[in-house]
Every structure is written in C-alpha cells, then in structure tokens.
Amino acid sequence: MAPRTRPPSCICPNCNGFASAAVTLGGRDPHGHLWTITAHCPAGHGTGTTRRSTAREGARA
C-alpha cells in the first residue's frame, strides 16, 4: 500500500509564493549596511500559501 500524501498547498495569488521581501529604506548605518525592513504578505500571513476553500464560487447547495 502506498503511503498517504498530503495534497499540494495552494500558492497565495497575492504574493505568488514569495511571502516575505526585504525592502531597503535608502540609508546606511555607521557600519555601511543598508537599512532594510521585512514586509510580509498579509493574505498568506507570511507563509506564501493560502487555505483551500471547500466551497467553490458560484456552487449551488
């Protein structure tokens, strides 16, 4: 018997799977490093995936 596998996760349509990005603020610290902040995708909560919906749009009950 083959082992059960999990269905593939649904890639977030807002960030296309790239959940976090480093954004430069345009300056440098005294050591010469760029000032950056990390921005996370709000739809996927920083994971790059979304939940699969059990009900489809326009489906009849």
PDB file of N, CA and C in Angstrom:
ATOM      1  N   MET A   1       0.851  -1.172   0.000  1.00  0.00           N
ATOM      2  CA  MET A   1       0.000   0.000   0.000  1.00  0.00           C
ATOM      3  C   MET A   1       0.900   1.240   0.000  1.00  0.00           C
ATOM      4  N   ALA A   2       0.594   2.165  -0.848  1.00  0.00           N
ATOM      5  CA  ALA A   2       1.377   3.401  -0.934  1.00  0.00           C
ATOM      6  C   ALA A   2       1.072   4.310   0.259  1.00  0.00           C
ATOM      7  N   PRO A   3       2.078   5.024   0.751  1.00  0.00           N
ATOM      8  CA  PRO A   3       1.820   5.941   1.869  1.00  0.00           C
ATOM      9  C   PRO A   3       0.949   7.105   1.414  1.00  0.00           C
ATOM     10  N   ARG A   4       0.145   7.584   2.329  1.00  0.00           N
ATOM     11  CA  ARG A   4      -0.724   8.720   2.002  1.00  0.00           C
ATOM     12  C   ARG A   4       0.113   9.981   1.886  1.00  0.00           C
ATOM     13  N   THR A   5      -0.211  10.774   0.915  1.00  0.00           N
ATOM     14  CA  THR A   5       0.480  12.049   0.736  1.00  0.00           C
ATOM     15  C   THR A   5      -0.506  13.180   0.943  1.00  0.00           C
ATOM     16  N   ARG A   6       0.021  14.294   1.370  1.00  0.00           N
ATOM     17  CA  ARG A   6      -0.822  15.470   1.562  1.00  0.00           C
ATOM     18  C   ARG A   6      -1.016  16.160   0.220  1.00  0.00           C
ATOM     19  N   PRO A   7      -2.179  16.741  -0.012  1.00  0.00           N
ATOM     20  CA  PRO A   7      -2.364  17.480  -1.263  1.00  0.00           C
ATOM     21  C   PRO A   7      -1.463  18.708  -1.273  1.00  0.00           C
ATOM     22  N   PRO A   8      -1.012  19.121  -2.453  1.00  0.00           N
ATOM     23  CA  PRO A   8      -0.137  20.297  -2.501  1.00  0.00           C
ATOM     24  C   PRO A   8      -0.855  21.529  -1.967  1.00  0.00           C
ATOM     25  N   SER A   9      -0.104  22.372  -1.286  1.00  0.00           N
ATOM     26  CA  SER A   9      -0.710  23.584  -0.736  1.00  0.00           C
ATOM     27  C   SER A   9      -1.000  24.567  -1.865  1.00  0.00           C
ATOM     28  N   CYS A  10      -1.949  25.410  -1.633  1.00  0.00           N
ATOM     29  CA  CYS A  10      -2.380  26.393  -2.623  1.00  0.00           C
ATOM     30  C   CYS A  10      -1.483  27.627  -2.508  1.00  0.00           C
ATOM     31  N   ILE A  11      -0.808  27.989  -3.592  1.00  0.00           N
ATOM     32  CA  ILE A  11       0.080  29.147  -3.587  1.00  0.00           C
ATOM     33  C   ILE A  11      -0.762  30.413  -3.516  1.00  0.00           C
ATOM     34  N   CYS A  12      -0.332  31.333  -2.680  1.00  0.00           N
ATOM     35  CA  CYS A  12      -1.043  32.595  -2.490  1.00  0.00           C
ATOM     36  C   CYS A  12      -1.055  33.398  -3.795  1.00  0.00           C
ATOM     37  N   PRO A  13      -2.228  33.817  -4.280  1.00  0.00           N
ATOM     38  CA  PRO A  13      -2.288  34.574  -5.528  1.00  0.00           C
ATOM     39  C   PRO A  13      -1.782  36.011  -5.387  1.00  0.00           C
ATOM     40  N   ASN A  14      -1.708  36.519  -4.159  1.00  0.00           N
ATOM     41  CA  ASN A  14      -1.275  37.903  -3.967  1.00  0.00           C
ATOM     42  C   ASN A  14       0.240  38.054  -4.053  1.00  0.00           C
ATOM     43  N   CYS A  15       0.978  37.071  -3.504  1.00  0.00           N
ATOM     44  CA  CYS A  15       2.441  37.196  -3.488  1.00  0.00           C
ATOM     45  C   CYS A  15       3.120  36.153  -4.354  1.00  0.00           C
ATOM     46  N   ASN A  16       2.351  35.244  -4.975  1.00  0.00           N
ATOM     47  CA  ASN A  16       2.871  34.213  -5.857  1.00  0.00           C
ATOM     48  C   ASN A  16       3.878  33.311  -5.149  1.00  0.00           C
ATOM     49  N   GLY A  17       3.694  33.091  -3.856  1.00  0.00           N
ATOM     50  CA  GLY A  17       4.548  32.197  -3.099  1.00  0.00           C
ATOM     51  C   GLY A  17       5.749  32.854  -2.447  1.00  0.00           C
ATOM     52  N   PHE A  18       6.045  34.105  -2.781  1.00  0.00           N
ATOM     53  CA  PHE A  18       7.145  34.835  -2.164  1.00  0.00           C
ATOM     54  C   PHE A  18       6.560  35.667  -1.038  1.00  0.00           C
ATOM     55  N   ALA A  19       6.493  35.079   0.152  1.00  0.00           N
ATOM     56  CA  ALA A  19       5.733  35.657   1.252  1.00  0.00           C
ATOM     57  C   ALA A  19       6.419  36.819   1.938  1.00  0.00           C
ATOM     58  N   SER A  20       7.735  36.885   1.895  1.00  0.00           N
ATOM     59  CA  SER A  20       8.464  37.952   2.572  1.00  0.00           C
ATOM     60  C   SER A  20       9.427  38.612   1.606  1.00  0.00           C
ATOM     61  N   ALA A  21       9.617  39.891   1.800  1.00  0.00           N
ATOM     62  CA  ALA A  21      10.554  40.640   0.961  1.00  0.00           C
ATOM     63  C   ALA A  21      11.301  41.643   1.827  1.00  0.00           C
ATOM     64  N   ALA A  22      12.577  41.823   1.554  1.00  0.00           N
ATOM     65  CA  ALA A  22      13.369  42.837   2.249  1.00  0.00           C
ATOM     66  C   ALA A  22      13.292  44.124   1.434  1.00  0.00           C
ATOM     67  N   VAL A  23      12.879  45.192   2.081  1.00  0.00           N
ATOM     68  CA  VAL A  23      12.713  46.485   1.420  1.00  0.00           C
ATOM     69  C   VAL A  23      13.737  47.446   2.003  1.00  0.00           C
ATOM     70  N   THR A  24      14.550  48.050   1.134  1.00  0.00           N
ATOM     71  CA  THR A  24      15.554  48.990   1.616  1.00  0.00           C
ATOM     72  C   THR A  24      14.919  50.349   1.897  1.00  0.00           C
ATOM     73  N   LEU A  25      15.407  50.996   2.930  1.00  0.00           N
ATOM     74  CA  LEU A  25      14.883  52.301   3.320  1.00  0.00           C
ATOM     75  C   LEU A  25      15.699  53.444   2.738  1.00  0.00           C
ATOM     76  N   GLY A  26      16.759  53.130   2.002  1.00  0.00           N
ATOM     77  CA  GLY A  26      17.520  54.158   1.304  1.00  0.00           C
ATOM     78  C   GLY A  26      18.686  54.742   2.070  1.00  0.00           C
ATOM     79  N   GLY A  27      18.988  54.257   3.237  1.00  0.00           N
ATOM     80  CA  GLY A  27      20.110  54.790   4.002  1.00  0.00           C
ATOM     81  C   GLY A  27      21.046  53.677   4.434  1.00  0.00           C
ATOM     82  N   ARG A  28      22.131  54.061   5.079  1.00  0.00           N
ATOM     83  CA  ARG A  28      23.091  53.084   5.591  1.00  0.00           C
ATOM     84  C   ARG A  28      23.396  53.395   7.049  1.00  0.00           C
ATOM     85  N   ASP A  29      23.701  52.340   7.803  1.00  0.00           N
ATOM     86  CA  ASP A  29      24.075  52.527   9.204  1.00  0.00           C
ATOM     87  C   ASP A  29      25.569  52.872   9.276  1.00  0.00           C
ATOM     88  N   PRO A  30      26.100  53.187  10.464  1.00  0.00           N
ATOM     89  CA  PRO A  30      27.505  53.557  10.587  1.00  0.00           C
ATOM     90  C   PRO A  30      28.482  52.468  10.110  1.00  0.00           C
ATOM     91  N   HIS A  31      28.049  51.215  10.046  1.00  0.00           N
ATOM     92  CA  HIS A  31      28.906  50.121   9.588  1.00  0.00           C
ATOM     93  C   HIS A  31      28.843  49.943   8.076  1.00  0.00           C
ATOM     94  N   GLY A  32      27.977  50.683   7.393  1.00  0.00           N
ATOM     95  CA  GLY A  32      27.858  50.596   5.944  1.00  0.00           C
ATOM     96  C   GLY A  32      26.796  49.638   5.448  1.00  0.00           C
ATOM     97  N   HIS A  33      26.012  49.040   6.357  1.00  0.00           N
ATOM     98  CA  HIS A  33      24.948  48.123   5.955  1.00  0.00           C
ATOM     99  C   HIS A  33      23.685  48.902   5.587  1.00  0.00           C
ATOM    100  N   LEU A  34      22.957  48.384   4.594  1.00  0.00           N
ATOM    101  CA  LEU A  34      21.697  49.021   4.196  1.00  0.00           C
ATOM    102  C   LEU A  34      20.649  48.844   5.279  1.00  0.00           C
ATOM    103  N   TRP A  35      19.855  49.885   5.502  1.00  0.00           N
ATOM    104  CA  TRP A  35      18.715  49.785   6.402  1.00  0.00           C
ATOM    105  C   TRP A  35      17.585  49.111   5.636  1.00  0.00           C
ATOM    106  N   THR A  36      17.093  48.014   6.156  1.00  0.00           N
ATOM    107  CA  THR A  36      16.011  47.298   5.492  1.00  0.00           C
ATOM    108  C   THR A  36      14.927  46.941   6.505  1.00  0.00           C
ATOM    109  N   ILE A  37      13.744  46.723   5.981  1.00  0.00           N
ATOM    110  CA  ILE A  37      12.645  46.185   6.769  1.00  0.00           C
ATOM    111  C   ILE A  37      12.133  44.956   6.033  1.00  0.00           C
ATOM    112  N   THR A  38      11.479  44.073   6.735  1.00  0.00           N
ATOM    113  CA  THR A  38      10.901  42.881   6.122  1.00  0.00           C
ATOM    114  C   THR A  38       9.402  43.087   6.001  1.00  0.00           C
ATOM    115  N   ALA A  39       8.897  42.926   4.783  1.00  0.00           N
ATOM    116  CA  ALA A  39       7.468  43.061   4.525  1.00  0.00           C
ATOM    117  C   ALA A  39       6.887  41.676   4.274  1.00  0.00           C
ATOM    118  N   HIS A  40       5.812  41.336   4.969  1.00  0.00           N
ATOM    119  CA  HIS A  40       5.158  40.036   4.824  1.00  0.00           C
ATOM    120  C   HIS A  40       3.835  40.204   4.098  1.00  0.00           C
ATOM    121  N   CYS A  41       3.470  39.205   3.312  1.00  0.00           N
ATOM    122  CA  CYS A  41       2.188  39.209   2.608  1.00  0.00           C
ATOM    123  C   CYS A  41       1.055  39.088   3.630  1.00  0.00           C
ATOM    124  N   PRO A  42       0.122  40.037   3.665  1.00  0.00           N
ATOM    125  CA  PRO A  42      -0.957  39.965   4.652  1.00  0.00           C
ATOM    126  C   PRO A  42      -1.974  38.861   4.345  1.00  0.00           C
ATOM    127  N   ALA A  43      -2.121  38.484   3.086  1.00  0.00           N
ATOM    128  CA  ALA A  43      -3.113  37.461   2.748  1.00  0.00           C
ATOM    129  C   ALA A  43      -2.663  36.067   3.180  1.00  0.00           C
ATOM    130  N   GLY A  44      -1.377  35.755   3.005  1.00  0.00           N
ATOM    131  CA  GLY A  44      -0.876  34.433   3.366  1.00  0.00           C
ATOM    132  C   GLY A  44      -0.231  34.395   4.731  1.00  0.00           C
ATOM    133  N   HIS A  45      -0.241  35.497   5.451  1.00  0.00           N
ATOM    134  CA  HIS A  45       0.337  35.607   6.794  1.00  0.00           C
ATOM    135  C   HIS A  45       1.816  35.216   6.807  1.00  0.00           C
ATOM    136  N   GLY A  46       2.536  35.553   5.738  1.00  0.00           N
ATOM    137  CA  GLY A  46       3.968  35.293   5.686  1.00  0.00           C
ATOM    138  C   GLY A  46       4.353  33.866   5.365  1.00  0.00           C
ATOM    139  N   THR A  47       3.415  33.039   4.899  1.00  0.00           N
ATOM    140  CA  THR A  47       3.733  31.650   4.580  1.00  0.00           C
ATOM    141  C   THR A  47       3.836  31.401   3.077  1.00  0.00           C
ATOM    142  N   GLY A  48       3.231  32.234   2.262  1.00  0.00           N
ATOM    143  CA  GLY A  48       3.246  32.036   0.812  1.00  0.00           C
ATOM    144  C   GLY A  48       2.150  31.109   0.318  1.00  0.00           C
ATOM    145  N   THR A  49       1.324  30.627   1.235  1.00  0.00           N
ATOM    146  CA  THR A  49       0.229  29.738   0.853  1.00  0.00           C
ATOM    147  C   THR A  49      -1.081  30.254   1.430  1.00  0.00           C
ATOM    148  N   THR A  50      -2.162  29.776   0.886  1.00  0.00           N
ATOM    149  CA  THR A  50      -3.490  30.101   1.412  1.00  0.00           C
ATOM    150  C   THR A  50      -4.246  28.807   1.645  1.00  0.00           C
ATOM    151  N   ARG A  51      -5.330  28.881   2.369  1.00  0.00           N
ATOM    152  CA  ARG A  51      -6.154  27.700   2.615  1.00  0.00           C
ATOM    153  C   ARG A  51      -6.970  27.380   1.381  1.00  0.00           C
ATOM    154  N   ARG A  52      -7.184  26.110   1.200  1.00  0.00           N
ATOM    155  CA  ARG A  52      -8.076  25.692   0.118  1.00  0.00           C
ATOM    156  C   ARG A  52      -9.511  25.861   0.591  1.00  0.00           C
ATOM    157  N   SER A  53     -10.317  26.427  -0.233  1.00  0.00           N
ATOM    158  CA  SER A  53     -11.715  26.624   0.111  1.00  0.00           C
ATOM    159  C   SER A  53     -12.499  25.377  -0.271  1.00  0.00           C
ATOM    160  N   THR A  54     -13.341  24.891   0.630  1.00  0.00           N
ATOM    161  CA  THR A  54     -14.131  23.707   0.323  1.00  0.00           C
ATOM    162  C   THR A  54     -15.319  24.059  -0.559  1.00  0.00           C
ATOM    163  N   ALA A  55     -15.830  25.265  -0.423  1.00  0.00           N
ATOM    164  CA  ALA A  55     -16.951  25.706  -1.258  1.00  0.00           C
ATOM    165  C   ALA A  55     -16.399  26.543  -2.402  1.00  0.00           C
ATOM    166  N   ARG A  56     -16.853  26.252  -3.590  1.00  0.00           N
ATOM    167  CA  ARG A  56     -16.400  26.996  -4.757  1.00  0.00           C
ATOM    168  C   ARG A  56     -17.329  28.167  -5.009  1.00  0.00           C
ATOM    169  N   GLU A  57     -16.781  29.178  -5.666  1.00  0.00           N
ATOM    170  CA  GLU A  57     -17.612  30.338  -6.001  1.00  0.00           C
ATOM    171  C   GLU A  57     -18.689  29.929  -6.984  1.00  0.00           C
ATOM    172  N   GLY A  58     -19.883  30.331  -6.742  1.00  0.00           N
ATOM    173  CA  GLY A  58     -20.973  30.050  -7.650  1.00  0.00           C
ATOM    174  C   GLY A  58     -21.521  28.632  -7.538  1.00  0.00           C
ATOM    175  N   ALA A  59     -21.040  27.853  -6.580  1.00  0.00           N
ATOM    176  CA  ALA A  59     -21.530  26.489  -6.432  1.00  0.00           C
ATOM    177  C   ALA A  59     -22.931  26.506  -5.810  1.00  0.00           C
ATOM    178  N   ARG A  60     -23.743  25.605  -6.250  1.00  0.00           N
ATOM    179  CA  ARG A  60     -25.093  25.513  -5.709  1.00  0.00           C
ATOM    180  C   ARG A  60     -25.132  24.519  -4.581  1.00  0.00           C
ATOM    181  N   ALA A  61     -25.938  24.807  -3.592  1.00  0.00           N
ATOM    182  CA  ALA A  61     -26.037  23.917  -2.429  1.00  0.00           C
ATOM    183  C   ALA A  61     -27.024  22.817  -2.631  1.00  0.00           C
TER     184      ALA A  61
END
